[in-house]
Amino acid sequence: MKAPDDISKSAIYFTIVGDTTPKMFFINSKDMQSFQWIIALMTSYSRLLRMGSPVENIINDMKETFDPGGSYIIPDGSGVKVSSIVHHLGLVLEKHVLETPK
């Protein structure tokens, strides 16, 4: 996933583990500014998934997260505006869930 350079100077790699239903998430990036929060968030979301929480709830939570520093247009030509990197990740996860054969 690529965010605009003024939001994140490094690419963000979002790994979704699980066959038809996600079970764990991992994020990796060279940008270490928010690393501790990223680990805490992904660990919490992964734990919720393993406990049986519907992935749709997590997607909605992610899409509702905003950055007080401002929103941005996803730089993929789609023209979609997101309110944070976490919102962007929620859209990536939603697309993955919708497109994965059940």
PDB file of N, CA and C in Angstrom:
ATOM      1  N   MET A   1       0.843  -1.154   0.000  1.00  0.00           N
ATOM      2  CA  MET A   1       0.000   0.000   0.000  1.00  0.00           C
ATOM      3  C   MET A   1       0.894   1.224   0.000  1.00  0.00           C
ATOM      4  N   LYS A   2       0.567   2.195  -0.795  1.00  0.00           N
ATOM      5  CA  LYS A   2       1.342   3.429  -0.860  1.00  0.00           C
ATOM      6  C   LYS A   2       0.456   4.600  -0.472  1.00  0.00           C
ATOM      7  N   ALA A   3       0.922   5.359   0.498  1.00  0.00           N
ATOM      8  CA  ALA A   3       0.257   6.600   0.896  1.00  0.00           C
ATOM      9  C   ALA A   3       1.072   7.755   0.314  1.00  0.00           C
ATOM     10  N   PRO A   4       0.498   8.931   0.186  1.00  0.00           N
ATOM     11  CA  PRO A   4       1.260  10.076  -0.317  1.00  0.00           C
ATOM     12  C   PRO A   4       2.492  10.343   0.559  1.00  0.00           C
ATOM     13  N   ASP A   5       3.546  10.868  -0.045  1.00  0.00           N
ATOM     14  CA  ASP A   5       4.797  11.101   0.673  1.00  0.00           C
ATOM     15  C   ASP A   5       4.648  12.000   1.892  1.00  0.00           C
ATOM     16  N   ASP A   6       3.716  12.938   1.871  1.00  0.00           N
ATOM     17  CA  ASP A   6       3.546  13.804   3.042  1.00  0.00           C
ATOM     18  C   ASP A   6       2.850  13.075   4.199  1.00  0.00           C
ATOM     19  N   ILE A   7       2.266  11.914   3.936  1.00  0.00           N
ATOM     20  CA  ILE A   7       1.624  11.104   4.980  1.00  0.00           C
ATOM     21  C   ILE A   7       2.601  10.047   5.494  1.00  0.00           C
ATOM     22  N   SER A   8       3.232   9.310   4.593  1.00  0.00           N
ATOM     23  CA  SER A   8       4.224   8.288   4.947  1.00  0.00           C
ATOM     24  C   SER A   8       5.264   8.224   3.842  1.00  0.00           C
ATOM     25  N   LYS A   9       6.498   8.469   4.210  1.00  0.00           N
ATOM     26  CA  LYS A   9       7.572   8.485   3.210  1.00  0.00           C
ATOM     27  C   LYS A   9       7.963   7.078   2.758  1.00  0.00           C
ATOM     28  N   SER A  10       7.576   6.070   3.507  1.00  0.00           N
ATOM     29  CA  SER A  10       7.916   4.685   3.193  1.00  0.00           C
ATOM     30  C   SER A  10       6.663   3.889   2.837  1.00  0.00           C
ATOM     31  N   ALA A  11       6.847   2.888   2.009  1.00  0.00           N
ATOM     32  CA  ALA A  11       5.739   1.984   1.674  1.00  0.00           C
ATOM     33  C   ALA A  11       5.304   1.238   2.931  1.00  0.00           C
ATOM     34  N   ILE A  12       4.048   0.876   2.966  1.00  0.00           N
ATOM     35  CA  ILE A  12       3.491   0.118   4.090  1.00  0.00           C
ATOM     36  C   ILE A  12       3.042  -1.224   3.535  1.00  0.00           C
ATOM     37  N   TYR A  13       3.578  -2.292   4.101  1.00  0.00           N
ATOM     38  CA  TYR A  13       3.247  -3.636   3.651  1.00  0.00           C
ATOM     39  C   TYR A  13       2.260  -4.245   4.640  1.00  0.00           C
ATOM     40  N   PHE A  14       1.081  -4.579   4.145  1.00  0.00           N
ATOM     41  CA  PHE A  14      -0.016  -5.091   4.965  1.00  0.00           C
ATOM     42  C   PHE A  14      -0.231  -6.550   4.594  1.00  0.00           C
ATOM     43  N   THR A  15       0.057  -7.457   5.524  1.00  0.00           N
ATOM     44  CA  THR A  15      -0.082  -8.892   5.287  1.00  0.00           C
ATOM     45  C   THR A  15      -1.319  -9.394   6.015  1.00  0.00           C
ATOM     46  N   ILE A  16      -2.155 -10.106   5.286  1.00  0.00           N
ATOM     47  CA  ILE A  16      -3.378 -10.686   5.844  1.00  0.00           C
ATOM     48  C   ILE A  16      -3.194 -12.200   5.825  1.00  0.00           C
ATOM     49  N   VAL A  17      -3.257 -12.827   7.002  1.00  0.00           N
ATOM     50  CA  VAL A  17      -3.041 -14.268   7.123  1.00  0.00           C
ATOM     51  C   VAL A  17      -4.382 -14.954   7.343  1.00  0.00           C
ATOM     52  N   GLY A  18      -4.635 -16.005   6.571  1.00  0.00           N
ATOM     53  CA  GLY A  18      -5.878 -16.766   6.706  1.00  0.00           C
ATOM     54  C   GLY A  18      -6.391 -17.131   5.330  1.00  0.00           C
ATOM     55  N   ASP A  19      -7.044 -18.260   5.240  1.00  0.00           N
ATOM     56  CA  ASP A  19      -7.558 -18.710   3.946  1.00  0.00           C
ATOM     57  C   ASP A  19      -8.730 -17.839   3.512  1.00  0.00           C
ATOM     58  N   THR A  20      -9.940 -18.250   3.799  1.00  0.00           N
ATOM     59  CA  THR A  20     -11.101 -17.463   3.378  1.00  0.00           C
ATOM     60  C   THR A  20     -11.484 -16.403   4.409  1.00  0.00           C
ATOM     61  N   THR A  21     -11.079 -16.592   5.662  1.00  0.00           N
ATOM     62  CA  THR A  21     -11.346 -15.619   6.715  1.00  0.00           C
ATOM     63  C   THR A  21     -10.030 -15.188   7.332  1.00  0.00           C
ATOM     64  N   PRO A  22      -9.758 -13.887   7.364  1.00  0.00           N
ATOM     65  CA  PRO A  22      -8.501 -13.429   7.977  1.00  0.00           C
ATOM     66  C   PRO A  22      -8.401 -13.855   9.439  1.00  0.00           C
ATOM     67  N   LYS A  23      -7.186 -14.267   9.854  1.00  0.00           N
ATOM     68  CA  LYS A  23      -6.930 -14.680  11.235  1.00  0.00           C
ATOM     69  C   LYS A  23      -5.908 -13.783  11.921  1.00  0.00           C
ATOM     70  N   MET A  24      -5.025 -13.165  11.138  1.00  0.00           N
ATOM     71  CA  MET A  24      -3.989 -12.294  11.685  1.00  0.00           C
ATOM     72  C   MET A  24      -3.620 -11.241  10.661  1.00  0.00           C
ATOM     73  N   PHE A  25      -3.114 -10.112  11.169  1.00  0.00           N
ATOM     74  CA  PHE A  25      -2.618  -9.041  10.316  1.00  0.00           C
ATOM     75  C   PHE A  25      -1.197  -8.693  10.744  1.00  0.00           C
ATOM     76  N   PHE A  26      -0.395  -8.304   9.776  1.00  0.00           N
ATOM     77  CA  PHE A  26       0.946  -7.801  10.047  1.00  0.00           C
ATOM     78  C   PHE A  26       1.164  -6.561   9.202  1.00  0.00           C
ATOM     79  N   ILE A  27       1.874  -5.604   9.743  1.00  0.00           N
ATOM     80  CA  ILE A  27       2.261  -4.423   8.986  1.00  0.00           C
ATOM     81  C   ILE A  27       3.766  -4.276   9.116  1.00  0.00           C
ATOM     82  N   ASN A  28       4.402  -3.939   8.022  1.00  0.00           N
ATOM     83  CA  ASN A  28       5.823  -3.685   8.033  1.00  0.00           C
ATOM     84  C   ASN A  28       6.089  -2.428   7.217  1.00  0.00           C
ATOM     85  N   SER A  29       7.034  -1.640   7.670  1.00  0.00           N
ATOM     86  CA  SER A  29       7.400  -0.410   6.982  1.00  0.00           C
ATOM     87  C   SER A  29       8.758   0.042   7.487  1.00  0.00           C
ATOM     88  N   LYS A  30       9.459   0.805   6.680  1.00  0.00           N
ATOM     89  CA  LYS A  30      10.717   1.399   7.131  1.00  0.00           C
ATOM     90  C   LYS A  30      10.460   2.576   8.067  1.00  0.00           C
ATOM     91  N   ASP A  31       9.259   3.133   8.030  1.00  0.00           N
ATOM     92  CA  ASP A  31       8.899   4.257   8.887  1.00  0.00           C
ATOM     93  C   ASP A  31       8.612   3.717  10.286  1.00  0.00           C
ATOM     94  N   MET A  32       9.493   4.004  11.222  1.00  0.00           N
ATOM     95  CA  MET A  32       9.377   3.452  12.572  1.00  0.00           C
ATOM     96  C   MET A  32       8.738   4.437  13.556  1.00  0.00           C
ATOM     97  N   GLN A  33       8.262   5.568  13.085  1.00  0.00           N
ATOM     98  CA  GLN A  33       7.720   6.617  13.952  1.00  0.00           C
ATOM     99  C   GLN A  33       6.591   6.096  14.839  1.00  0.00           C
ATOM    100  N   SER A  34       5.692   5.296  14.315  1.00  0.00           N
ATOM    101  CA  SER A  34       4.529   4.815  15.068  1.00  0.00           C
ATOM    102  C   SER A  34       4.554   3.308  15.269  1.00  0.00           C
ATOM    103  N   PHE A  35       5.737   2.715  15.245  1.00  0.00           N
ATOM    104  CA  PHE A  35       5.861   1.262  15.265  1.00  0.00           C
ATOM    105  C   PHE A  35       5.149   0.625  16.458  1.00  0.00           C
ATOM    106  N   GLN A  36       5.310   1.182  17.664  1.00  0.00           N
ATOM    107  CA  GLN A  36       4.697   0.569  18.845  1.00  0.00           C
ATOM    108  C   GLN A  36       3.176   0.550  18.742  1.00  0.00           C
ATOM    109  N   TRP A  37       2.574   1.593  18.183  1.00  0.00           N
ATOM    110  CA  TRP A  37       1.124   1.647  18.034  1.00  0.00           C
ATOM    111  C   TRP A  37       0.641   0.695  16.956  1.00  0.00           C
ATOM    112  N   ILE A  38       1.421   0.563  15.908  1.00  0.00           N
ATOM    113  CA  ILE A  38       1.070  -0.371  14.837  1.00  0.00           C
ATOM    114  C   ILE A  38       1.047  -1.796  15.372  1.00  0.00           C
ATOM    115  N   ILE A  39       2.080  -2.163  16.124  1.00  0.00           N
ATOM    116  CA  ILE A  39       2.146  -3.513  16.699  1.00  0.00           C
ATOM    117  C   ILE A  39       0.966  -3.749  17.641  1.00  0.00           C
ATOM    118  N   ALA A  40       0.670  -2.775  18.496  1.00  0.00           N
ATOM    119  CA  ALA A  40      -0.449  -2.924  19.444  1.00  0.00           C
ATOM    120  C   ALA A  40      -1.775  -3.087  18.705  1.00  0.00           C
ATOM    121  N   LEU A  41      -1.996  -2.283  17.685  1.00  0.00           N
ATOM    122  CA  LEU A  41      -3.245  -2.351  16.927  1.00  0.00           C
ATOM    123  C   LEU A  41      -3.391  -3.685  16.204  1.00  0.00           C
ATOM    124  N   MET A  42      -2.346  -4.118  15.511  1.00  0.00           N
ATOM    125  CA  MET A  42      -2.434  -5.361  14.751  1.00  0.00           C
ATOM    126  C   MET A  42      -2.551  -6.569  15.677  1.00  0.00           C
ATOM    127  N   THR A  43      -1.871  -6.536  16.815  1.00  0.00           N
ATOM    128  CA  THR A  43      -1.984  -7.629  17.782  1.00  0.00           C
ATOM    129  C   THR A  43      -3.409  -7.703  18.336  1.00  0.00           C
ATOM    130  N   SER A  44      -3.975  -6.563  18.658  1.00  0.00           N
ATOM    131  CA  SER A  44      -5.355  -6.525  19.182  1.00  0.00           C
ATOM    132  C   SER A  44      -6.356  -7.015  18.147  1.00  0.00           C
ATOM    133  N   TYR A  45      -6.241  -6.519  16.912  1.00  0.00           N
ATOM    134  CA  TYR A  45      -7.153  -6.962  15.857  1.00  0.00           C
ATOM    135  C   TYR A  45      -7.003  -8.456  15.590  1.00  0.00           C
ATOM    136  N   SER A  46      -5.767  -8.950  15.564  1.00  0.00           N
ATOM    137  CA  SER A  46      -5.541 -10.375  15.323  1.00  0.00           C
ATOM    138  C   SER A  46      -6.156 -11.213  16.437  1.00  0.00           C
ATOM    139  N   ARG A  47      -6.009 -10.761  17.681  1.00  0.00           N
ATOM    140  CA  ARG A  47      -6.588 -11.484  18.817  1.00  0.00           C
ATOM    141  C   ARG A  47      -8.120 -11.523  18.692  1.00  0.00           C
ATOM    142  N   LEU A  48      -8.725 -10.398  18.327  1.00  0.00           N
ATOM    143  CA  LEU A  48     -10.181 -10.367  18.145  1.00  0.00           C
ATOM    144  C   LEU A  48     -10.629 -11.360  17.076  1.00  0.00           C
ATOM    145  N   LEU A  49      -9.887 -11.439  15.981  1.00  0.00           N
ATOM    146  CA  LEU A  49     -10.237 -12.386  14.919  1.00  0.00           C
ATOM    147  C   LEU A  49     -10.152 -13.823  15.405  1.00  0.00           C
ATOM    148  N   ARG A  50      -9.080 -14.154  16.123  1.00  0.00           N
ATOM    149  CA  ARG A  50      -8.920 -15.520  16.616  1.00  0.00           C
ATOM    150  C   ARG A  50      -9.991 -15.876  17.653  1.00  0.00           C
ATOM    151  N   MET A  51     -10.542 -14.850  18.319  1.00  0.00           N
ATOM    152  CA  MET A  51     -11.619 -15.080  19.303  1.00  0.00           C
ATOM    153  C   MET A  51     -12.989 -15.159  18.630  1.00  0.00           C
ATOM    154  N   GLY A  52     -13.035 -14.990  17.307  1.00  0.00           N
ATOM    155  CA  GLY A  52     -14.293 -15.151  16.587  1.00  0.00           C
ATOM    156  C   GLY A  52     -15.029 -13.874  16.254  1.00  0.00           C
ATOM    157  N   SER A  53     -14.431 -12.724  16.520  1.00  0.00           N
ATOM    158  CA  SER A  53     -15.085 -11.463  16.169  1.00  0.00           C
ATOM    159  C   SER A  53     -15.207 -11.364  14.643  1.00  0.00           C
ATOM    160  N   PRO A  54     -16.343 -10.924  14.141  1.00  0.00           N
ATOM    161  CA  PRO A  54     -16.504 -10.809  12.686  1.00  0.00           C
ATOM    162  C   PRO A  54     -15.533  -9.780  12.099  1.00  0.00           C
ATOM    163  N   VAL A  55     -14.898 -10.147  11.010  1.00  0.00           N
ATOM    164  CA  VAL A  55     -13.935  -9.258  10.363  1.00  0.00           C
ATOM    165  C   VAL A  55     -14.607  -7.962   9.919  1.00  0.00           C
ATOM    166  N   GLU A  56     -15.889  -8.015   9.622  1.00  0.00           N
ATOM    167  CA  GLU A  56     -16.615  -6.807   9.213  1.00  0.00           C
ATOM    168  C   GLU A  56     -16.598  -5.740  10.314  1.00  0.00           C
ATOM    169  N   ASN A  57     -16.657  -6.170  11.589  1.00  0.00           N
ATOM    170  CA  ASN A  57     -16.585  -5.213  12.708  1.00  0.00           C
ATOM    171  C   ASN A  57     -15.236  -4.509  12.729  1.00  0.00           C
ATOM    172  N   ILE A  58     -14.186  -5.266  12.505  1.00  0.00           N
ATOM    173  CA  ILE A  58     -12.840  -4.691  12.493  1.00  0.00           C
ATOM    174  C   ILE A  58     -12.679  -3.749  11.302  1.00  0.00           C
ATOM    175  N   ILE A  59     -13.190  -4.153  10.151  1.00  0.00           N
ATOM    176  CA  ILE A  59     -13.123  -3.295   8.958  1.00  0.00           C
ATOM    177  C   ILE A  59     -13.828  -1.968   9.243  1.00  0.00           C
ATOM    178  N   ASN A  60     -15.012  -2.024   9.838  1.00  0.00           N
ATOM    179  CA  ASN A  60     -15.750  -0.793  10.154  1.00  0.00           C
ATOM    180  C   ASN A  60     -14.980   0.087  11.137  1.00  0.00           C
ATOM    181  N   ASP A  61     -14.378  -0.530  12.161  1.00  0.00           N
ATOM    182  CA  ASP A  61     -13.575   0.236  13.112  1.00  0.00           C
ATOM    183  C   ASP A  61     -12.410   0.926  12.403  1.00  0.00           C
ATOM    184  N   MET A  62     -11.749   0.204  11.534  1.00  0.00           N
ATOM    185  CA  MET A  62     -10.609   0.770  10.822  1.00  0.00           C
ATOM    186  C   MET A  62     -11.041   1.924   9.916  1.00  0.00           C
ATOM    187  N   LYS A  63     -12.156   1.743   9.240  1.00  0.00           N
ATOM    188  CA  LYS A  63     -12.633   2.783   8.318  1.00  0.00           C
ATOM    189  C   LYS A  63     -13.130   4.030   9.046  1.00  0.00           C
ATOM    190  N   GLU A  64     -13.453   3.914  10.330  1.00  0.00           N
ATOM    191  CA  GLU A  64     -13.914   5.063  11.112  1.00  0.00           C
ATOM    192  C   GLU A  64     -12.761   5.822  11.778  1.00  0.00           C
ATOM    193  N   THR A  65     -11.547   5.325  11.668  1.00  0.00           N
ATOM    194  CA  THR A  65     -10.395   5.962  12.300  1.00  0.00           C
ATOM    195  C   THR A  65      -9.930   7.144  11.463  1.00  0.00           C
ATOM    196  N   PHE A  66      -9.740   8.283  12.119  1.00  0.00           N
ATOM    197  CA  PHE A  66      -9.293   9.468  11.388  1.00  0.00           C
ATOM    198  C   PHE A  66      -7.992   9.997  11.972  1.00  0.00           C
ATOM    199  N   ASP A  67      -7.267  10.715  11.154  1.00  0.00           N
ATOM    200  CA  ASP A  67      -6.016  11.353  11.542  1.00  0.00           C
ATOM    201  C   ASP A  67      -6.294  12.840  11.706  1.00  0.00           C
ATOM    202  N   PRO A  68      -6.060  13.395  12.893  1.00  0.00           N
ATOM    203  CA  PRO A  68      -6.312  14.826  13.076  1.00  0.00           C
ATOM    204  C   PRO A  68      -5.416  15.693  12.181  1.00  0.00           C
ATOM    205  N   GLY A  69      -4.366  15.084  11.634  1.00  0.00           N
ATOM    206  CA  GLY A  69      -3.486  15.817  10.722  1.00  0.00           C
ATOM    207  C   GLY A  69      -4.072  15.991   9.327  1.00  0.00           C
ATOM    208  N   GLY A  70      -5.172  15.318   9.045  1.00  0.00           N
ATOM    209  CA  GLY A  70      -5.832  15.483   7.753  1.00  0.00           C
ATOM    210  C   GLY A  70      -6.007  14.190   6.983  1.00  0.00           C
ATOM    211  N   SER A  71      -6.794  14.276   5.941  1.00  0.00           N
ATOM    212  CA  SER A  71      -7.086  13.131   5.077  1.00  0.00           C
ATOM    213  C   SER A  71      -6.241  13.226   3.813  1.00  0.00           C
ATOM    214  N   TYR A  72      -6.366  12.198   2.958  1.00  0.00           N
ATOM    215  CA  TYR A  72      -5.653  12.209   1.685  1.00  0.00           C
ATOM    216  C   TYR A  72      -6.396  11.384   0.645  1.00  0.00           C
ATOM    217  N   ILE A  73      -6.070  11.625  -0.598  1.00  0.00           N
ATOM    218  CA  ILE A  73      -6.616  10.854  -1.720  1.00  0.00           C
ATOM    219  C   ILE A  73      -5.670   9.684  -1.965  1.00  0.00           C
ATOM    220  N   ILE A  74      -6.208   8.460  -2.023  1.00  0.00           N
ATOM    221  CA  ILE A  74      -5.367   7.288  -2.287  1.00  0.00           C
ATOM    222  C   ILE A  74      -4.692   7.472  -3.647  1.00  0.00           C
ATOM    223  N   PRO A  75      -3.355   7.349  -3.689  1.00  0.00           N
ATOM    224  CA  PRO A  75      -2.628   7.623  -4.939  1.00  0.00           C
ATOM    225  C   PRO A  75      -2.646   6.468  -5.942  1.00  0.00           C
ATOM    226  N   ASP A  76      -3.814   5.870  -6.166  1.00  0.00           N
ATOM    227  CA  ASP A  76      -3.911   4.777  -7.138  1.00  0.00           C
ATOM    228  C   ASP A  76      -4.772   5.164  -8.341  1.00  0.00           C
ATOM    229  N   GLY A  77      -5.160   6.442  -8.380  1.00  0.00           N
ATOM    230  CA  GLY A  77      -5.983   6.914  -9.487  1.00  0.00           C
ATOM    231  C   GLY A  77      -7.473   6.723  -9.274  1.00  0.00           C
ATOM    232  N   SER A  78      -7.877   6.136  -8.145  1.00  0.00           N
ATOM    233  CA  SER A  78      -9.295   5.868  -7.897  1.00  0.00           C
ATOM    234  C   SER A  78     -10.049   7.119  -7.446  1.00  0.00           C
ATOM    235  N   GLY A  79      -9.320   8.092  -6.911  1.00  0.00           N
ATOM    236  CA  GLY A  79      -9.963   9.301  -6.410  1.00  0.00           C
ATOM    237  C   GLY A  79     -10.616   9.131  -5.048  1.00  0.00           C
ATOM    238  N   VAL A  80     -10.384   7.995  -4.389  1.00  0.00           N
ATOM    239  CA  VAL A  80     -10.992   7.725  -3.086  1.00  0.00           C
ATOM    240  C   VAL A  80     -10.244   8.507  -2.004  1.00  0.00           C
ATOM    241  N   LYS A  81     -11.019   9.219  -1.177  1.00  0.00           N
ATOM    242  CA  LYS A  81     -10.455   9.998  -0.078  1.00  0.00           C
ATOM    243  C   LYS A  81     -10.581   9.190   1.211  1.00  0.00           C
ATOM    244  N   VAL A  82      -9.481   9.101   1.966  1.00  0.00           N
ATOM    245  CA  VAL A  82      -9.485   8.388   3.244  1.00  0.00           C
ATOM    246  C   VAL A  82      -9.084   9.355   4.349  1.00  0.00           C
ATOM    247  N   SER A  83      -9.574   9.071   5.555  1.00  0.00           N
ATOM    248  CA  SER A  83      -9.329   9.970   6.672  1.00  0.00           C
ATOM    249  C   SER A  83      -8.068   9.626   7.472  1.00  0.00           C
ATOM    250  N   SER A  84      -7.415   8.493   7.139  1.00  0.00           N
ATOM    251  CA  SER A  84      -6.193   8.091   7.841  1.00  0.00           C
ATOM    252  C   SER A  84      -5.575   6.887   7.130  1.00  0.00           C
ATOM    253  N   ILE A  85      -4.356   6.558   7.533  1.00  0.00           N
ATOM    254  CA  ILE A  85      -3.715   5.342   7.018  1.00  0.00           C
ATOM    255  C   ILE A  85      -4.512   4.117   7.469  1.00  0.00           C
ATOM    256  N   VAL A  86      -5.023   4.143   8.703  1.00  0.00           N
ATOM    257  CA  VAL A  86      -5.813   3.006   9.206  1.00  0.00           C
ATOM    258  C   VAL A  86      -7.097   2.848   8.386  1.00  0.00           C
ATOM    259  N   HIS A  87      -7.728   3.946   8.012  1.00  0.00           N
ATOM    260  CA  HIS A  87      -8.904   3.909   7.137  1.00  0.00           C
ATOM    261  C   HIS A  87      -8.524   3.252   5.809  1.00  0.00           C
ATOM    262  N   HIS A  88      -7.384   3.650   5.250  1.00  0.00           N
ATOM    263  CA  HIS A  88      -6.891   3.080   3.990  1.00  0.00           C
ATOM    264  C   HIS A  88      -6.684   1.569   4.140  1.00  0.00           C
ATOM    265  N   LEU A  89      -6.070   1.146   5.258  1.00  0.00           N
ATOM    266  CA  LEU A  89      -5.871  -0.284   5.501  1.00  0.00           C
ATOM    267  C   LEU A  89      -7.213  -1.012   5.615  1.00  0.00           C
ATOM    268  N   GLY A  90      -8.204  -0.372   6.218  1.00  0.00           N
ATOM    269  CA  GLY A  90      -9.543  -0.965   6.301  1.00  0.00           C
ATOM    270  C   GLY A  90     -10.142  -1.217   4.926  1.00  0.00           C
ATOM    271  N   LEU A  91      -9.914  -0.281   3.993  1.00  0.00           N
ATOM    272  CA  LEU A  91     -10.397  -0.471   2.620  1.00  0.00           C
ATOM    273  C   LEU A  91      -9.668  -1.617   1.931  1.00  0.00           C
ATOM    274  N   VAL A  92      -8.354  -1.729   2.182  1.00  0.00           N
ATOM    275  CA  VAL A  92      -7.578  -2.839   1.609  1.00  0.00           C
ATOM    276  C   VAL A  92      -8.105  -4.161   2.144  1.00  0.00           C
ATOM    277  N   LEU A  93      -8.340  -4.229   3.453  1.00  0.00           N
ATOM    278  CA  LEU A  93      -8.864  -5.449   4.066  1.00  0.00           C
ATOM    279  C   LEU A  93     -10.255  -5.770   3.536  1.00  0.00           C
ATOM    280  N   GLU A  94     -11.107  -4.770   3.421  1.00  0.00           N
ATOM    281  CA  GLU A  94     -12.455  -4.968   2.892  1.00  0.00           C
ATOM    282  C   GLU A  94     -12.410  -5.532   1.477  1.00  0.00           C
ATOM    283  N   LYS A  95     -11.560  -4.980   0.640  1.00  0.00           N
ATOM    284  CA  LYS A  95     -11.413  -5.470  -0.736  1.00  0.00           C
ATOM    285  C   LYS A  95     -10.943  -6.921  -0.731  1.00  0.00           C
ATOM    286  N   HIS A  96      -9.991  -7.239   0.130  1.00  0.00           N
ATOM    287  CA  HIS A  96      -9.483  -8.616   0.233  1.00  0.00           C
ATOM    288  C   HIS A  96     -10.604  -9.586   0.618  1.00  0.00           C
ATOM    289  N   VAL A  97     -11.390  -9.208   1.625  1.00  0.00           N
ATOM    290  CA  VAL A  97     -12.466 -10.079   2.110  1.00  0.00           C
ATOM    291  C   VAL A  97     -13.531 -10.262   1.028  1.00  0.00           C
ATOM    292  N   LEU A  98     -13.883  -9.194   0.336  1.00  0.00           N
ATOM    293  CA  LEU A  98     -14.918  -9.273  -0.707  1.00  0.00           C
ATOM    294  C   LEU A  98     -14.466 -10.067  -1.918  1.00  0.00           C
ATOM    295  N   GLU A  99     -13.161 -10.019  -2.228  1.00  0.00           N
ATOM    296  CA  GLU A  99     -12.668 -10.673  -3.448  1.00  0.00           C
ATOM    297  C   GLU A  99     -12.162 -12.094  -3.209  1.00  0.00           C
ATOM    298  N   THR A 100     -12.003 -12.523  -1.955  1.00  0.00           N
ATOM    299  CA  THR A 100     -11.510 -13.864  -1.682  1.00  0.00           C
ATOM    300  C   THR A 100     -12.662 -14.850  -1.825  1.00  0.00           C
ATOM    301  N   PRO A 101     -12.484 -15.875  -2.687  1.00  0.00           N
ATOM    302  CA  PRO A 101     -13.541 -16.889  -2.846  1.00  0.00           C
ATOM    303  C   PRO A 101     -13.806 -17.599  -1.517  1.00  0.00           C
ATOM    304  N   LYS A 102     -15.051 -17.838  -1.231  1.00  0.00           N
ATOM    305  CA  LYS A 102     -15.429 -18.495   0.028  1.00  0.00           C
ATOM    306  C   LYS A 102     -15.532 -19.987  -0.160  1.00  0.00           C
TER     307      LYS A 102
END
